Amino acid sequence: MPIRSSATGFRRRLGMHLEGRPAFLWRLALKMLFQRVHRAVCLVAGSVCPQSERSIFRSAKDGEWKWIGPYIEEKSVPIEHPARRTFTQGELAMASTIGEKILDQIGLDRRCVILTGAPNSFVDSTGIAMTLAASLRTNSIFPPTDGLSTMAVISI
């Protein structure tokens, strides 16, 4: 039952966002105001806003993600084939059960649901997503991985 109440709450909140209810428009206006105040403070007192601190944010101009600080080493690493961690039968059964509940609650035609896996060297995400999509009677799509690289992650 908790899935139903959270799904219903999500739909209600989403509807409010899409309809542009006053409370959400006010919140948006406050965020935009803060961005302008923040920009002005940082221009006047640069030491208050050190750019060397770690942060992740989206550009207001183009939506591009900006990573500042030592989150990742800027090193391209080829994706190794084959990635061999996959789901056990128990994990697949649990994921399938959870997926069934979610799909039943959102009420979308399963032909409109597409699962994919992010290619990597550690987990067979393509195989997991393909198996799960078949189990849930949905679609799946995967990017070609030949010559694909990823970023090497360093610990912080």
Protein backbone atom coordinates (compact mmCIF):
# COMPACT_ATOMS: atom_id res chain seq x y z
CA MET A 1 0.00 0.00 0.00
CA PRO A 2 2.85 2.51 0.57
CA ILE A 3 3.64 2.45 -3.15
CA ARG A 4 0.07 3.52 -3.95
CA SER A 5 0.14 6.50 -1.57
CA SER A 6 3.57 7.64 -2.74
CA ALA A 7 2.59 7.23 -6.40
CA THR A 8 -0.61 9.19 -5.80
CA GLY A 9 1.33 11.89 -3.97
CA PHE A 10 3.86 12.02 -6.78
CA ARG A 11 1.12 12.42 -9.40
CA ARG A 12 -0.49 15.21 -7.35
CA ARG A 13 2.84 17.07 -6.94
CA LEU A 14 3.69 16.58 -10.61
CA GLY A 15 0.28 17.96 -11.59
CA MET A 16 0.88 21.02 -9.42
CA HIS A 17 4.25 21.62 -11.08
CA LEU A 18 2.83 21.24 -14.55
CA GLU A 19 -0.19 23.41 -13.81
CA GLY A 20 2.02 26.15 -12.36
CA ARG A 21 0.30 26.43 -8.99
CA PRO A 22 1.20 29.64 -7.09
CA ALA A 23 3.22 27.87 -4.37
CA PHE A 24 5.52 26.30 -6.93
CA LEU A 25 5.82 29.46 -8.97
CA TRP A 26 6.76 31.33 -5.76
CA ARG A 27 9.42 28.69 -4.98
CA LEU A 28 10.83 29.04 -8.51
CA ALA A 29 10.93 32.82 -8.17
CA LEU A 30 12.82 32.54 -4.85
CA LYS A 31 15.38 30.19 -6.39
CA MET A 32 15.92 32.55 -9.30
CA LEU A 33 16.30 35.48 -6.91
CA PHE A 34 18.85 33.58 -4.82
CA GLN A 35 20.89 32.81 -7.95
CA ARG A 36 21.12 36.50 -8.76
CA VAL A 37 22.00 37.46 -5.18
CA HIS A 38 24.59 34.69 -5.05
CA ARG A 39 26.16 35.83 -8.33
CA ALA A 40 26.37 39.43 -7.07
CA VAL A 41 27.90 38.42 -3.72
CA CYS A 42 30.49 36.26 -5.45
CA LEU A 43 31.45 39.08 -7.81
CA VAL A 44 31.95 41.54 -4.93
CA ALA A 45 33.46 39.19 -2.34
CA GLY A 46 35.13 36.38 -4.26
CA SER A 47 36.60 34.82 -1.11
CA VAL A 48 33.07 34.00 0.05
CA CYS A 49 32.55 31.76 -2.99
CA PRO A 50 35.74 29.74 -3.50
CA GLN A 51 35.62 27.85 -6.77
CA SER A 52 37.98 25.20 -5.42
CA GLU A 53 35.28 23.68 -3.21
CA ARG A 54 33.65 20.52 -4.55
CA SER A 55 30.26 21.12 -6.07
CA ILE A 56 27.97 19.77 -8.76
CA PHE A 57 25.35 21.98 -10.36
CA ARG A 58 23.51 22.60 -13.60
CA SER A 59 24.12 25.65 -15.71
CA ALA A 60 21.14 28.03 -15.78
CA LYS A 61 22.08 28.91 -19.38
CA ASP A 62 22.19 25.52 -21.07
CA GLY A 63 21.41 22.88 -18.42
CA GLU A 64 24.88 21.32 -18.71
CA TRP A 65 26.18 19.64 -15.54
CA LYS A 66 29.20 21.39 -14.04
CA TRP A 67 31.62 19.46 -11.82
CA ILE A 68 33.98 21.56 -9.73
CA GLY A 69 36.54 19.94 -7.53
CA PRO A 70 38.21 16.55 -7.33
CA TYR A 71 35.18 14.30 -7.80
CA ILE A 72 36.59 12.41 -10.74
CA GLU A 73 39.96 12.05 -12.28
CA GLU A 74 39.88 13.30 -15.84
CA LYS A 75 40.99 10.03 -17.33
CA SER A 76 39.20 8.10 -20.04
CA VAL A 77 39.08 4.35 -19.42
CA PRO A 78 37.86 1.88 -22.06
CA ILE A 79 34.90 -0.24 -20.98
CA GLU A 80 36.15 -3.76 -20.46
CA HIS A 81 34.25 -6.64 -21.95
CA PRO A 82 32.75 -8.66 -20.55
CA ALA A 83 31.50 -7.03 -17.32
CA ARG A 84 30.63 -10.02 -15.24
CA ARG A 85 28.61 -9.11 -12.18
CA THR A 86 25.00 -9.97 -12.94
CA PHE A 87 21.83 -10.56 -10.92
CA THR A 88 21.29 -13.84 -9.13
CA GLN A 89 17.92 -15.50 -9.66
CA GLY A 90 16.83 -14.15 -6.25
CA GLU A 91 17.87 -10.58 -7.10
CA LEU A 92 16.12 -10.81 -10.45
CA ALA A 93 12.93 -12.11 -8.81
CA MET A 94 13.01 -9.24 -6.28
CA ALA A 95 13.66 -6.63 -9.00
CA SER A 96 10.87 -8.11 -11.10
CA THR A 97 8.42 -8.00 -8.17
CA ILE A 98 9.30 -4.37 -7.42
CA GLY A 99 9.12 -3.50 -11.13
CA GLU A 100 5.66 -5.09 -11.43
CA LYS A 101 4.39 -3.02 -8.49
CA ILE A 102 5.81 0.19 -9.93
CA LEU A 103 4.43 -0.46 -13.41
CA ASP A 104 1.01 -1.37 -12.01
CA GLN A 105 0.94 1.85 -9.99
CA ILE A 106 2.01 4.27 -12.71
CA GLY A 107 -0.58 2.87 -15.09
CA LEU A 108 1.43 3.25 -18.31
CA ASP A 109 1.03 0.88 -21.21
CA ARG A 110 4.06 -1.41 -20.91
CA ARG A 111 4.82 -0.87 -24.59
CA CYS A 112 5.69 2.73 -23.60
CA VAL A 113 8.25 1.66 -20.96
CA ILE A 114 11.87 1.26 -22.05
CA LEU A 115 14.61 -0.14 -19.83
CA THR A 116 18.29 0.35 -20.53
CA GLY A 117 21.57 -0.27 -18.78
CA ALA A 118 24.47 2.14 -18.48
CA PRO A 119 27.51 0.39 -20.00
CA ASN A 120 30.36 -0.13 -17.54
CA SER A 121 33.16 -2.57 -16.70
CA PHE A 122 31.76 -3.89 -13.43
CA VAL A 123 28.15 -4.98 -13.91
CA ASP A 124 26.47 -6.58 -16.90
CA SER A 125 23.86 -3.81 -16.96
CA THR A 126 22.81 -4.63 -20.50
CA GLY A 127 22.13 -8.26 -19.66
CA ILE A 128 20.35 -7.36 -16.41
CA ALA A 129 18.13 -4.76 -18.12
CA MET A 130 17.37 -7.09 -21.02
CA THR A 131 16.35 -9.92 -18.67
CA LEU A 132 14.32 -7.59 -16.46
CA ALA A 133 12.57 -6.03 -19.48
CA ALA A 134 11.58 -9.50 -20.73
CA SER A 135 10.33 -10.43 -17.27
CA LEU A 136 8.26 -7.22 -17.02
CA ARG A 137 7.04 -7.45 -20.66
CA THR A 138 8.53 -4.05 -21.52
CA ASN A 139 11.02 -2.91 -24.15
CA SER A 140 14.76 -2.46 -23.83
CA ILE A 141 17.35 -0.48 -25.78
CA PHE A 142 21.13 -0.30 -25.45
CA PRO A 143 23.88 1.84 -26.94
CA PRO A 144 26.66 0.13 -28.87
CA THR A 145 29.68 -0.29 -26.62
CA ASP A 146 32.42 -0.92 -29.18
CA GLY A 147 35.14 1.68 -28.53
CA LEU A 148 33.15 3.23 -25.68
CA SER A 149 35.05 4.71 -22.73
CA THR A 150 34.05 5.89 -19.29
CA MET A 151 35.62 8.08 -16.62
CA ALA A 152 37.89 6.61 -13.96
CA VAL A 153 36.45 7.39 -10.54
CA ILE A 154 38.78 8.26 -7.71
CA SER A 155 37.88 8.09 -4.04
CA ILE A 156 37.23 11.40 -2.31
